[in-house]
Amino acid sequence: MEDSSFQSPINQFNYSTETPKKPKKFIYIVIFLIILIGFFLTKNLFFGSDKQKEAAVATPTPTEFQFPTDTPALSPTTAPASSPTVSPTAKSVNPVDQSTGLDRSMLSVEVQNGSGVTGAAAKAADVLTGFGYKIASKGNAGNENYENATIQVKSTKSNFLALLKKDLGFSYTVGSTSADLSSDSTADALVIIGK
């Protein structure tokens, strides 16, 4: 009887001409590309792009003044029939400066256009009204050669000079300032807007 566990040396070795299959480079390249694409997708999902980061960073705008948003309620019995109506969109402005305690509504201002640009006095009057100043009048200056804004106040109101200069400085370049406005002037302060 022949032993089946014994194999001849020729059958032990496989002498076929086929070479064993090795992983192809193509598979490695595909795997590498999948990993690379996955990395970039994950990076954008979790960390966002630079444009998204810039949009997400909010830069607060500094403000020096806080204006209350509530408008005072008027009772129908206290308001006379000839008084102007208060519009619901009008904001009441707190005219009192928090750092000095000065009430801007206590200073009447005459605004003059010294630039020759149409509407310059009206624009400046709107700026000052926004701070709570009382505008006495608007008009044209004696000449149109002013370069910067000029401020004059009466000597009795000289404590408002620095505040008025600071408030106007947000919108205009302020040139000369003085506390020598004539006591005969109808307004407490004179602002001449230059070019």
N, C-alpha and C. Protein backbone atom coordinates (compact mmCIF):
# COMPACT_ATOMS: atom_id res chain seq x y z
N MET A 1 0.80 -1.16 0.00
CA MET A 1 0.00 0.00 0.00
C MET A 1 0.86 1.25 0.00
N GLU A 2 0.38 2.13 -0.61
CA GLU A 2 1.17 3.33 -0.77
C GLU A 2 0.71 4.39 0.25
N ASP A 3 1.70 5.06 0.79
CA ASP A 3 1.38 6.07 1.82
C ASP A 3 0.98 7.37 1.12
N SER A 4 -0.16 7.83 1.45
CA SER A 4 -0.65 9.03 0.78
C SER A 4 -0.06 10.30 1.38
N SER A 5 0.54 10.24 2.55
CA SER A 5 1.10 11.43 3.17
C SER A 5 2.43 11.81 2.56
N PHE A 6 3.04 10.87 1.88
CA PHE A 6 4.31 11.15 1.26
C PHE A 6 4.08 11.72 -0.13
N GLN A 7 4.69 12.82 -0.41
CA GLN A 7 4.55 13.43 -1.72
C GLN A 7 5.92 13.48 -2.37
N SER A 8 5.87 13.40 -3.61
CA SER A 8 7.14 13.44 -4.31
C SER A 8 7.68 14.87 -4.30
N PRO A 9 9.00 15.02 -4.36
CA PRO A 9 9.57 16.37 -4.31
C PRO A 9 9.10 17.25 -5.45
N ILE A 10 8.71 16.68 -6.51
CA ILE A 10 8.27 17.49 -7.63
C ILE A 10 6.93 18.13 -7.32
N ASN A 11 6.04 17.45 -6.63
CA ASN A 11 4.73 17.98 -6.31
C ASN A 11 4.78 18.98 -5.15
N GLN A 12 5.86 18.87 -4.35
CA GLN A 12 5.96 19.77 -3.20
C GLN A 12 6.12 21.22 -3.63
N PHE A 13 6.84 21.46 -4.61
CA PHE A 13 7.09 22.82 -5.07
C PHE A 13 6.18 23.16 -6.23
N ASN A 14 5.68 24.32 -6.20
CA ASN A 14 4.82 24.77 -7.28
C ASN A 14 5.71 25.50 -8.27
N TYR A 15 5.89 24.92 -9.41
CA TYR A 15 6.76 25.50 -10.41
C TYR A 15 5.96 26.23 -11.48
N SER A 16 4.91 26.82 -11.10
CA SER A 16 4.12 27.50 -12.10
C SER A 16 4.82 28.80 -12.50
N THR A 17 4.51 29.30 -13.64
CA THR A 17 5.17 30.49 -14.16
C THR A 17 4.52 31.78 -13.66
N GLU A 18 3.41 31.67 -13.00
CA GLU A 18 2.75 32.86 -12.47
C GLU A 18 3.48 33.34 -11.23
N THR A 19 3.64 34.67 -11.11
CA THR A 19 4.28 35.24 -9.93
C THR A 19 3.19 35.56 -8.91
N PRO A 20 3.51 35.50 -7.63
CA PRO A 20 2.48 35.82 -6.65
C PRO A 20 2.02 37.26 -6.81
N LYS A 21 0.76 37.51 -6.55
CA LYS A 21 0.19 38.85 -6.73
C LYS A 21 0.63 39.74 -5.58
N LYS A 22 1.20 40.88 -5.97
CA LYS A 22 1.61 41.88 -4.99
C LYS A 22 0.58 43.01 -5.06
N PRO A 23 0.38 43.72 -3.93
CA PRO A 23 -0.55 44.85 -3.99
C PRO A 23 -0.04 45.86 -5.01
N LYS A 24 -0.92 46.35 -5.76
CA LYS A 24 -0.52 47.27 -6.81
C LYS A 24 -0.37 48.68 -6.23
N LYS A 25 0.48 49.45 -6.89
CA LYS A 25 0.70 50.84 -6.47
C LYS A 25 -0.59 51.66 -6.58
N PHE A 26 -1.41 51.29 -7.49
CA PHE A 26 -2.67 51.99 -7.71
C PHE A 26 -3.53 52.00 -6.45
N ILE A 27 -3.59 50.90 -5.76
CA ILE A 27 -4.41 50.80 -4.54
C ILE A 27 -3.85 51.73 -3.48
N TYR A 28 -2.52 51.81 -3.35
CA TYR A 28 -1.91 52.70 -2.37
C TYR A 28 -2.20 54.17 -2.71
N ILE A 29 -2.16 54.50 -3.96
CA ILE A 29 -2.44 55.88 -4.36
C ILE A 29 -3.89 56.23 -4.06
N VAL A 30 -4.81 55.34 -4.34
CA VAL A 30 -6.22 55.58 -4.07
C VAL A 30 -6.46 55.76 -2.57
N ILE A 31 -5.85 54.90 -1.77
CA ILE A 31 -6.01 55.02 -0.31
C ILE A 31 -5.44 56.34 0.18
N PHE A 32 -4.28 56.73 -0.35
CA PHE A 32 -3.66 57.99 0.05
C PHE A 32 -4.56 59.17 -0.32
N LEU A 33 -5.14 59.15 -1.52
CA LEU A 33 -6.02 60.24 -1.93
C LEU A 33 -7.28 60.31 -1.07
N ILE A 34 -7.83 59.18 -0.70
CA ILE A 34 -9.02 59.16 0.16
C ILE A 34 -8.70 59.76 1.52
N ILE A 35 -7.55 59.41 2.05
CA ILE A 35 -7.15 59.97 3.36
C ILE A 35 -6.92 61.47 3.24
N LEU A 36 -6.28 61.91 2.16
CA LEU A 36 -6.00 63.33 1.96
C LEU A 36 -7.30 64.13 1.82
N ILE A 37 -8.23 63.63 1.04
CA ILE A 37 -9.52 64.32 0.86
C ILE A 37 -10.28 64.34 2.18
N GLY A 38 -10.25 63.25 2.90
CA GLY A 38 -10.93 63.20 4.21
C GLY A 38 -10.34 64.20 5.18
N PHE A 39 -9.02 64.38 5.14
CA PHE A 39 -8.37 65.35 6.03
C PHE A 39 -8.84 66.76 5.73
N PHE A 40 -8.88 67.15 4.44
CA PHE A 40 -9.29 68.50 4.10
C PHE A 40 -10.77 68.74 4.39
N LEU A 41 -11.60 67.75 4.17
CA LEU A 41 -13.02 67.91 4.50
C LEU A 41 -13.21 68.06 6.00
N THR A 42 -12.51 67.28 6.77
CA THR A 42 -12.61 67.35 8.23
C THR A 42 -12.09 68.69 8.73
N LYS A 43 -11.01 69.15 8.15
CA LYS A 43 -10.44 70.44 8.56
C LYS A 43 -11.44 71.56 8.33
N ASN A 44 -12.09 71.60 7.16
CA ASN A 44 -13.06 72.65 6.87
C ASN A 44 -14.31 72.53 7.71
N LEU A 45 -14.73 71.32 8.02
CA LEU A 45 -15.93 71.15 8.84
C LEU A 45 -15.70 71.59 10.28
N PHE A 46 -14.56 71.19 10.86
CA PHE A 46 -14.32 71.47 12.27
C PHE A 46 -13.64 72.81 12.51
N PHE A 47 -12.80 73.22 11.63
CA PHE A 47 -12.04 74.44 11.87
C PHE A 47 -12.49 75.59 10.98
N GLY A 48 -13.16 75.31 9.88
CA GLY A 48 -13.64 76.34 8.98
C GLY A 48 -12.52 76.93 8.16
N SER A 49 -12.90 77.58 7.09
CA SER A 49 -11.90 78.22 6.25
C SER A 49 -11.54 79.57 6.86
N ASP A 50 -10.52 80.20 6.32
CA ASP A 50 -10.09 81.51 6.83
C ASP A 50 -11.18 82.56 6.64
N LYS A 51 -11.91 82.48 5.54
CA LYS A 51 -12.99 83.45 5.31
C LYS A 51 -14.08 83.29 6.34
N GLN A 52 -14.37 82.03 6.72
CA GLN A 52 -15.39 81.80 7.74
C GLN A 52 -14.91 82.31 9.09
N LYS A 53 -13.61 82.14 9.38
CA LYS A 53 -13.08 82.62 10.65
C LYS A 53 -13.15 84.14 10.71
N GLU A 54 -12.81 84.82 9.59
CA GLU A 54 -12.87 86.27 9.57
C GLU A 54 -14.30 86.76 9.76
N ALA A 55 -15.25 86.07 9.16
CA ALA A 55 -16.65 86.47 9.28
C ALA A 55 -17.17 86.22 10.69
N ALA A 56 -16.63 85.20 11.36
CA ALA A 56 -17.11 84.85 12.69
C ALA A 56 -16.58 85.79 13.76
N VAL A 57 -15.48 86.46 13.51
CA VAL A 57 -14.90 87.37 14.50
C VAL A 57 -15.63 88.69 14.40
N ALA A 58 -16.34 89.04 15.44
CA ALA A 58 -17.07 90.29 15.47
C ALA A 58 -16.23 91.35 16.16
N THR A 59 -16.07 92.48 15.50
CA THR A 59 -15.32 93.57 16.08
C THR A 59 -16.33 94.59 16.60
N PRO A 60 -16.39 94.77 17.90
CA PRO A 60 -17.36 95.73 18.42
C PRO A 60 -16.95 97.16 18.07
N THR A 61 -17.92 97.98 17.79
CA THR A 61 -17.67 99.37 17.50
C THR A 61 -17.72 100.15 18.81
N PRO A 62 -16.63 100.80 19.17
CA PRO A 62 -16.65 101.53 20.44
C PRO A 62 -17.55 102.77 20.34
N THR A 63 -18.31 102.99 21.37
CA THR A 63 -19.15 104.17 21.43
C THR A 63 -18.87 104.88 22.75
N GLU A 64 -18.89 106.17 22.67
CA GLU A 64 -18.62 106.94 23.87
C GLU A 64 -19.89 107.30 24.62
N PHE A 65 -20.98 107.40 23.89
CA PHE A 65 -22.22 107.83 24.49
C PHE A 65 -23.27 106.74 24.37
N GLN A 66 -24.05 106.60 25.41
CA GLN A 66 -25.16 105.68 25.38
C GLN A 66 -26.43 106.50 25.36
N PHE A 67 -27.23 106.27 24.33
CA PHE A 67 -28.46 107.02 24.20
C PHE A 67 -29.62 106.12 24.58
N PRO A 68 -30.48 106.60 25.47
CA PRO A 68 -31.64 105.78 25.86
C PRO A 68 -32.58 105.63 24.67
N THR A 69 -33.27 104.51 24.64
CA THR A 69 -34.17 104.25 23.52
C THR A 69 -35.63 104.47 23.87
N ASP A 70 -35.94 104.67 25.11
CA ASP A 70 -37.34 104.87 25.50
C ASP A 70 -37.75 106.31 25.23
N THR A 71 -38.93 106.49 24.74
CA THR A 71 -39.46 107.84 24.56
C THR A 71 -40.45 108.10 25.68
N PRO A 72 -40.43 109.32 26.21
CA PRO A 72 -41.36 109.60 27.31
C PRO A 72 -42.80 109.60 26.82
N ALA A 73 -43.65 109.08 27.64
CA ALA A 73 -45.07 109.02 27.30
C ALA A 73 -45.73 110.34 27.67
N LEU A 74 -46.55 110.85 26.80
CA LEU A 74 -47.27 112.09 27.05
C LEU A 74 -48.72 111.73 27.36
N SER A 75 -49.22 112.29 28.44
CA SER A 75 -50.62 112.03 28.75
C SER A 75 -51.47 113.00 27.94
N PRO A 76 -52.62 112.57 27.48
CA PRO A 76 -53.44 113.45 26.64
C PRO A 76 -53.96 114.67 27.37
N THR A 77 -54.04 114.63 28.69
CA THR A 77 -54.58 115.78 29.41
C THR A 77 -53.54 116.86 29.62
N THR A 78 -52.24 116.52 29.60
CA THR A 78 -51.22 117.53 29.85
C THR A 78 -50.72 118.18 28.58
N ALA A 79 -50.93 117.59 27.42
CA ALA A 79 -50.44 118.15 26.18
C ALA A 79 -51.51 119.05 25.57
N PRO A 80 -51.17 120.31 25.28
CA PRO A 80 -52.16 121.17 24.63
C PRO A 80 -52.40 120.71 23.19
N ALA A 81 -53.53 121.10 22.65
CA ALA A 81 -53.93 120.66 21.32
C ALA A 81 -52.99 121.18 20.24
N SER A 82 -52.34 122.33 20.45
CA SER A 82 -51.49 122.91 19.42
C SER A 82 -50.05 122.40 19.48
N SER A 83 -49.73 121.51 20.43
CA SER A 83 -48.35 121.04 20.53
C SER A 83 -48.05 120.04 19.42
N PRO A 84 -46.79 119.99 18.98
CA PRO A 84 -46.46 119.03 17.94
C PRO A 84 -46.56 117.60 18.46
N THR A 85 -46.92 116.70 17.59
CA THR A 85 -47.05 115.31 18.01
C THR A 85 -45.68 114.65 18.01
N VAL A 86 -45.50 113.74 18.93
CA VAL A 86 -44.24 113.02 19.04
C VAL A 86 -44.34 111.78 18.17
N SER A 87 -43.38 111.64 17.25
CA SER A 87 -43.42 110.47 16.38
C SER A 87 -42.90 109.26 17.15
N PRO A 88 -43.44 108.08 16.90
CA PRO A 88 -43.02 106.90 17.65
C PRO A 88 -41.59 106.46 17.33
N THR A 89 -41.03 106.92 16.20
CA THR A 89 -39.68 106.51 15.85
C THR A 89 -38.63 107.46 16.39
N ALA A 90 -39.04 108.62 16.91
CA ALA A 90 -38.07 109.59 17.43
C ALA A 90 -37.46 109.06 18.72
N LYS A 91 -36.15 109.16 18.80
CA LYS A 91 -35.45 108.72 20.00
C LYS A 91 -35.18 109.93 20.89
N SER A 92 -35.40 109.75 22.16
CA SER A 92 -35.06 110.84 23.07
C SER A 92 -33.58 110.71 23.39
N VAL A 93 -32.91 111.85 23.43
CA VAL A 93 -31.48 111.89 23.65
C VAL A 93 -31.22 112.43 25.04
N ASN A 94 -30.34 111.78 25.76
CA ASN A 94 -29.94 112.29 27.06
C ASN A 94 -28.88 113.35 26.83
N PRO A 95 -29.23 114.63 27.00
CA PRO A 95 -28.29 115.69 26.69
C PRO A 95 -27.21 115.90 27.76
N VAL A 96 -27.29 115.22 28.87
CA VAL A 96 -26.33 115.41 29.96
C VAL A 96 -25.08 114.58 29.69
N ASP A 97 -23.93 115.25 29.66
CA ASP A 97 -22.65 114.56 29.48
C ASP A 97 -22.31 113.85 30.77
N GLN A 98 -22.00 112.56 30.67
CA GLN A 98 -21.75 111.77 31.87
C GLN A 98 -20.44 112.14 32.56
N SER A 99 -19.44 112.56 31.80
CA SER A 99 -18.15 112.85 32.43
C SER A 99 -18.12 114.23 33.09
N THR A 100 -18.81 115.22 32.51
CA THR A 100 -18.76 116.58 33.09
C THR A 100 -20.03 116.95 33.83
N GLY A 101 -21.14 116.29 33.52
CA GLY A 101 -22.41 116.63 34.15
C GLY A 101 -23.09 117.82 33.50
N LEU A 102 -22.53 118.34 32.41
CA LEU A 102 -23.13 119.50 31.73
C LEU A 102 -24.33 119.05 30.89
N ASP A 103 -25.39 119.85 30.96
CA ASP A 103 -26.60 119.58 30.19
C ASP A 103 -26.51 120.35 28.88
N ARG A 104 -26.34 119.63 27.79
CA ARG A 104 -26.18 120.26 26.47
C ARG A 104 -27.40 121.07 26.06
N SER A 105 -28.58 120.70 26.55
CA SER A 105 -29.79 121.42 26.16
C SER A 105 -29.83 122.83 26.77
N MET A 106 -28.91 123.11 27.66
CA MET A 106 -28.85 124.44 28.28
C MET A 106 -27.99 125.41 27.46
N LEU A 107 -27.43 124.94 26.33
CA LEU A 107 -26.58 125.78 25.49
C LEU A 107 -27.27 125.96 24.14
N SER A 108 -27.57 127.22 23.79
CA SER A 108 -28.14 127.50 22.48
C SER A 108 -26.99 127.81 21.51
N VAL A 109 -27.07 127.21 20.33
CA VAL A 109 -25.98 127.30 19.36
C VAL A 109 -26.47 127.87 18.05
N GLU A 110 -25.74 128.86 17.53
CA GLU A 110 -25.98 129.37 16.18
C GLU A 110 -24.96 128.69 15.27
N VAL A 111 -25.43 128.09 14.18
CA VAL A 111 -24.55 127.38 13.26
C VAL A 111 -24.51 128.15 11.95
N GLN A 112 -23.27 128.45 11.49
CA GLN A 112 -23.10 129.19 10.24
C GLN A 112 -22.25 128.38 9.27
N ASN A 113 -22.55 128.53 7.99
CA ASN A 113 -21.82 127.86 6.92
C ASN A 113 -20.71 128.79 6.44
N GLY A 114 -19.46 128.40 6.70
CA GLY A 114 -18.31 129.18 6.23
C GLY A 114 -17.52 128.44 5.19
N SER A 115 -18.12 127.43 4.59
CA SER A 115 -17.41 126.61 3.61
C SER A 115 -17.86 126.87 2.18
N GLY A 116 -19.04 127.41 2.00
CA GLY A 116 -19.58 127.60 0.67
C GLY A 116 -20.29 126.37 0.14
N VAL A 117 -20.25 125.28 0.87
CA VAL A 117 -20.93 124.05 0.46
C VAL A 117 -22.38 124.13 0.91
N THR A 118 -23.29 123.95 -0.01
CA THR A 118 -24.71 124.05 0.30
C THR A 118 -25.11 122.99 1.33
N GLY A 119 -25.80 123.43 2.36
CA GLY A 119 -26.31 122.51 3.37
C GLY A 119 -25.34 122.18 4.49
N ALA A 120 -24.16 122.80 4.53
CA ALA A 120 -23.17 122.48 5.55
C ALA A 120 -23.66 122.89 6.94
N ALA A 121 -24.32 124.02 7.06
CA ALA A 121 -24.83 124.47 8.36
C ALA A 121 -25.95 123.55 8.85
N ALA A 122 -26.82 123.13 7.95
CA ALA A 122 -27.92 122.24 8.33
C ALA A 122 -27.38 120.89 8.79
N LYS A 123 -26.38 120.40 8.11
CA LYS A 123 -25.78 119.11 8.49
C LYS A 123 -25.14 119.21 9.87
N ALA A 124 -24.41 120.28 10.12
CA ALA A 124 -23.77 120.47 11.43
C ALA A 124 -24.82 120.65 12.52
N ALA A 125 -25.91 121.34 12.19
CA ALA A 125 -26.99 121.52 13.17
C ALA A 125 -27.61 120.17 13.52
N ASP A 126 -27.74 119.28 12.54
CA ASP A 126 -28.26 117.94 12.82
C ASP A 126 -27.32 117.16 13.73
N VAL A 127 -26.02 117.30 13.50
CA VAL A 127 -25.03 116.62 14.35
C VAL A 127 -25.16 117.11 15.78
N LEU A 128 -25.24 118.41 15.96
CA LEU A 128 -25.33 118.99 17.31
C LEU A 128 -26.67 118.64 17.97
N THR A 129 -27.73 118.62 17.20
CA THR A 129 -29.03 118.23 17.75
C THR A 129 -28.99 116.78 18.23
N GLY A 130 -28.24 115.95 17.51
CA GLY A 130 -28.09 114.55 17.92
C GLY A 130 -27.45 114.41 19.29
N PHE A 131 -26.64 115.37 19.68
CA PHE A 131 -26.03 115.35 21.01
C PHE A 131 -26.93 116.00 22.06
N GLY A 132 -27.97 116.72 21.62
CA GLY A 132 -28.90 117.33 22.56
C GLY A 132 -28.79 118.84 22.68
N TYR A 133 -27.94 119.47 21.85
CA TYR A 133 -27.82 120.93 21.88
C TYR A 133 -29.08 121.57 21.30
N LYS A 134 -29.37 122.78 21.76
CA LYS A 134 -30.51 123.55 21.26
C LYS A 134 -29.98 124.46 20.15
N ILE A 135 -30.50 124.34 18.95
CA ILE A 135 -30.06 125.14 17.81
C ILE A 135 -30.89 126.42 17.77
N ALA A 136 -30.21 127.57 17.90
CA ALA A 136 -30.89 128.86 17.89
C ALA A 136 -31.18 129.29 16.46
N SER A 137 -30.20 129.13 15.56
CA SER A 137 -30.40 129.51 14.16
C SER A 137 -29.33 128.88 13.28
N LYS A 138 -29.62 128.87 11.97
CA LYS A 138 -28.68 128.38 10.96
C LYS A 138 -28.61 129.43 9.87
N GLY A 139 -27.42 129.57 9.27
CA GLY A 139 -27.29 130.54 8.18
C GLY A 139 -25.89 130.51 7.60
N ASN A 140 -25.57 131.53 6.82
CA ASN A 140 -24.27 131.63 6.19
C ASN A 140 -23.37 132.57 6.98
N ALA A 141 -22.08 132.27 6.98
CA ALA A 141 -21.09 133.12 7.65
C ALA A 141 -20.79 134.32 6.75
N GLY A 142 -20.05 135.28 7.28
CA GLY A 142 -19.70 136.48 6.52
C GLY A 142 -18.83 136.17 5.32
N ASN A 143 -18.03 135.10 5.36
CA ASN A 143 -17.24 134.69 4.20
C ASN A 143 -17.22 133.17 4.12
N GLU A 144 -16.71 132.68 3.01
CA GLU A 144 -16.68 131.23 2.77
C GLU A 144 -15.26 130.70 2.75
N ASN A 145 -14.35 131.31 3.51
CA ASN A 145 -12.94 130.94 3.47
C ASN A 145 -12.48 130.19 4.72
N TYR A 146 -13.39 129.70 5.51
CA TYR A 146 -13.00 128.97 6.72
C TYR A 146 -12.49 127.58 6.32
N GLU A 147 -11.36 127.18 6.89
CA GLU A 147 -10.78 125.87 6.59
C GLU A 147 -11.34 124.80 7.52
N ASN A 148 -11.46 125.10 8.80
CA ASN A 148 -11.92 124.15 9.81
C ASN A 148 -13.12 124.74 10.54
N ALA A 149 -13.67 123.97 11.44
CA ALA A 149 -14.78 124.47 12.26
C ALA A 149 -14.22 125.42 13.31
N THR A 150 -14.94 126.50 13.53
CA THR A 150 -14.56 127.52 14.51
C THR A 150 -15.66 127.58 15.56
N ILE A 151 -15.25 127.64 16.82
CA ILE A 151 -16.22 127.67 17.92
C ILE A 151 -15.96 128.89 18.78
N GLN A 152 -17.03 129.63 19.07
CA GLN A 152 -16.98 130.74 20.02
C GLN A 152 -18.14 130.56 20.99
N VAL A 153 -17.86 130.76 22.27
CA VAL A 153 -18.93 130.72 23.27
C VAL A 153 -18.86 131.99 24.10
N LYS A 154 -19.95 132.31 24.73
CA LYS A 154 -19.95 133.46 25.65
C LYS A 154 -19.10 133.10 26.86
N SER A 155 -18.52 134.10 27.49
CA SER A 155 -17.67 133.84 28.65
C SER A 155 -18.46 133.21 29.79
N THR A 156 -19.76 133.50 29.86
CA THR A 156 -20.58 132.91 30.92
C THR A 156 -20.85 131.43 30.68
N LYS A 157 -20.63 130.96 29.48
CA LYS A 157 -20.84 129.55 29.13
C LYS A 157 -19.52 128.87 28.75
N SER A 158 -18.40 129.40 29.22
CA SER A 158 -17.08 128.86 28.84
C SER A 158 -16.88 127.41 29.30
N ASN A 159 -17.62 126.97 30.31
CA ASN A 159 -17.49 125.58 30.75
C ASN A 159 -17.98 124.59 29.68
N PHE A 160 -18.76 125.04 28.68
CA PHE A 160 -19.24 124.18 27.60
C PHE A 160 -18.24 124.08 26.44
N LEU A 161 -17.21 124.91 26.43
CA LEU A 161 -16.31 124.98 25.27
C LEU A 161 -15.64 123.64 24.97
N ALA A 162 -15.06 123.02 25.97
CA ALA A 162 -14.36 121.74 25.74
C ALA A 162 -15.34 120.65 25.30
N LEU A 163 -16.53 120.61 25.88
CA LEU A 163 -17.53 119.61 25.52
C LEU A 163 -18.01 119.81 24.08
N LEU A 164 -18.28 121.05 23.71
CA LEU A 164 -18.72 121.36 22.35
C LEU A 164 -17.63 121.00 21.34
N LYS A 165 -16.39 121.28 21.69
CA LYS A 165 -15.27 120.95 20.81
C LYS A 165 -15.15 119.43 20.64
N LYS A 166 -15.30 118.70 21.74
CA LYS A 166 -15.21 117.24 21.67
C LYS A 166 -16.34 116.66 20.82
N ASP A 167 -17.56 117.15 21.03
CA ASP A 167 -18.71 116.64 20.28
C ASP A 167 -18.59 116.94 18.79
N LEU A 168 -18.18 118.15 18.44
CA LEU A 168 -18.01 118.50 17.03
C LEU A 168 -16.85 117.74 16.41
N GLY A 169 -15.85 117.40 17.22
CA GLY A 169 -14.66 116.71 16.73
C GLY A 169 -14.93 115.33 16.19
N PHE A 170 -16.08 114.74 16.51
CA PHE A 170 -16.43 113.43 15.95
C PHE A 170 -16.76 113.53 14.46
N SER A 171 -17.22 114.70 14.01
CA SER A 171 -17.63 114.86 12.61
C SER A 171 -16.82 115.88 11.85
N TYR A 172 -16.13 116.78 12.55
CA TYR A 172 -15.42 117.87 11.89
C TYR A 172 -14.04 118.06 12.51
N THR A 173 -13.16 118.69 11.74
CA THR A 173 -11.87 119.10 12.28
C THR A 173 -12.07 120.48 12.88
N VAL A 174 -11.82 120.58 14.17
CA VAL A 174 -12.06 121.83 14.87
C VAL A 174 -10.77 122.64 14.86
N GLY A 175 -10.87 123.88 14.40
CA GLY A 175 -9.73 124.78 14.36
C GLY A 175 -9.67 125.60 15.63
N SER A 176 -10.01 126.87 15.51
CA SER A 176 -9.89 127.77 16.67
C SER A 176 -11.13 127.70 17.55
N THR A 177 -10.88 127.87 18.84
CA THR A 177 -11.97 127.93 19.83
C THR A 177 -11.68 129.09 20.76
N SER A 178 -12.74 129.72 21.23
CA SER A 178 -12.55 130.83 22.17
C SER A 178 -13.82 131.03 22.99
N ALA A 179 -13.65 131.72 24.10
CA ALA A 179 -14.78 132.05 24.98
C ALA A 179 -14.99 133.55 24.97
N ASP A 180 -14.97 134.15 23.76
CA ASP A 180 -15.09 135.60 23.65
C ASP A 180 -16.26 136.03 22.76
N LEU A 181 -17.30 135.23 22.68
CA LEU A 181 -18.47 135.61 21.90
C LEU A 181 -19.14 136.79 22.59
N SER A 182 -19.57 137.74 21.81
CA SER A 182 -20.19 138.95 22.34
C SER A 182 -21.41 138.61 23.20
N SER A 183 -21.54 139.33 24.28
CA SER A 183 -22.70 139.11 25.15
C SER A 183 -23.99 139.57 24.49
N ASP A 184 -23.89 140.34 23.39
CA ASP A 184 -25.07 140.78 22.64
C ASP A 184 -25.62 139.68 21.73
N SER A 185 -24.86 138.61 21.53
CA SER A 185 -25.30 137.54 20.64
C SER A 185 -26.55 136.87 21.20
N THR A 186 -27.46 136.51 20.30
CA THR A 186 -28.71 135.86 20.75
C THR A 186 -28.48 134.42 21.18
N ALA A 187 -27.42 133.80 20.69
CA ALA A 187 -27.11 132.40 21.06
C ALA A 187 -25.96 132.40 22.06
N ASP A 188 -25.85 131.30 22.80
CA ASP A 188 -24.75 131.15 23.75
C ASP A 188 -23.45 130.77 23.07
N ALA A 189 -23.54 130.16 21.89
CA ALA A 189 -22.35 129.70 21.18
C ALA A 189 -22.55 129.92 19.68
N LEU A 190 -21.43 130.11 18.98
CA LEU A 190 -21.42 130.26 17.53
C LEU A 190 -20.48 129.21 16.97
N VAL A 191 -20.98 128.42 16.04
CA VAL A 191 -20.17 127.40 15.36
C VAL A 191 -20.18 127.74 13.88
N ILE A 192 -18.98 127.94 13.32
CA ILE A 192 -18.85 128.20 11.88
C ILE A 192 -18.18 126.99 11.26
N ILE A 193 -18.84 126.38 10.29
CA ILE A 193 -18.34 125.17 9.65
C ILE A 193 -17.48 125.56 8.44
N GLY A 194 -16.25 125.04 8.41
CA GLY A 194 -15.34 125.31 7.31
C GLY A 194 -15.35 124.20 6.29
N LYS A 195 -14.39 124.28 5.37
CA LYS A 195 -14.28 123.29 4.26
C LYS A 195 -13.81 121.97 4.76
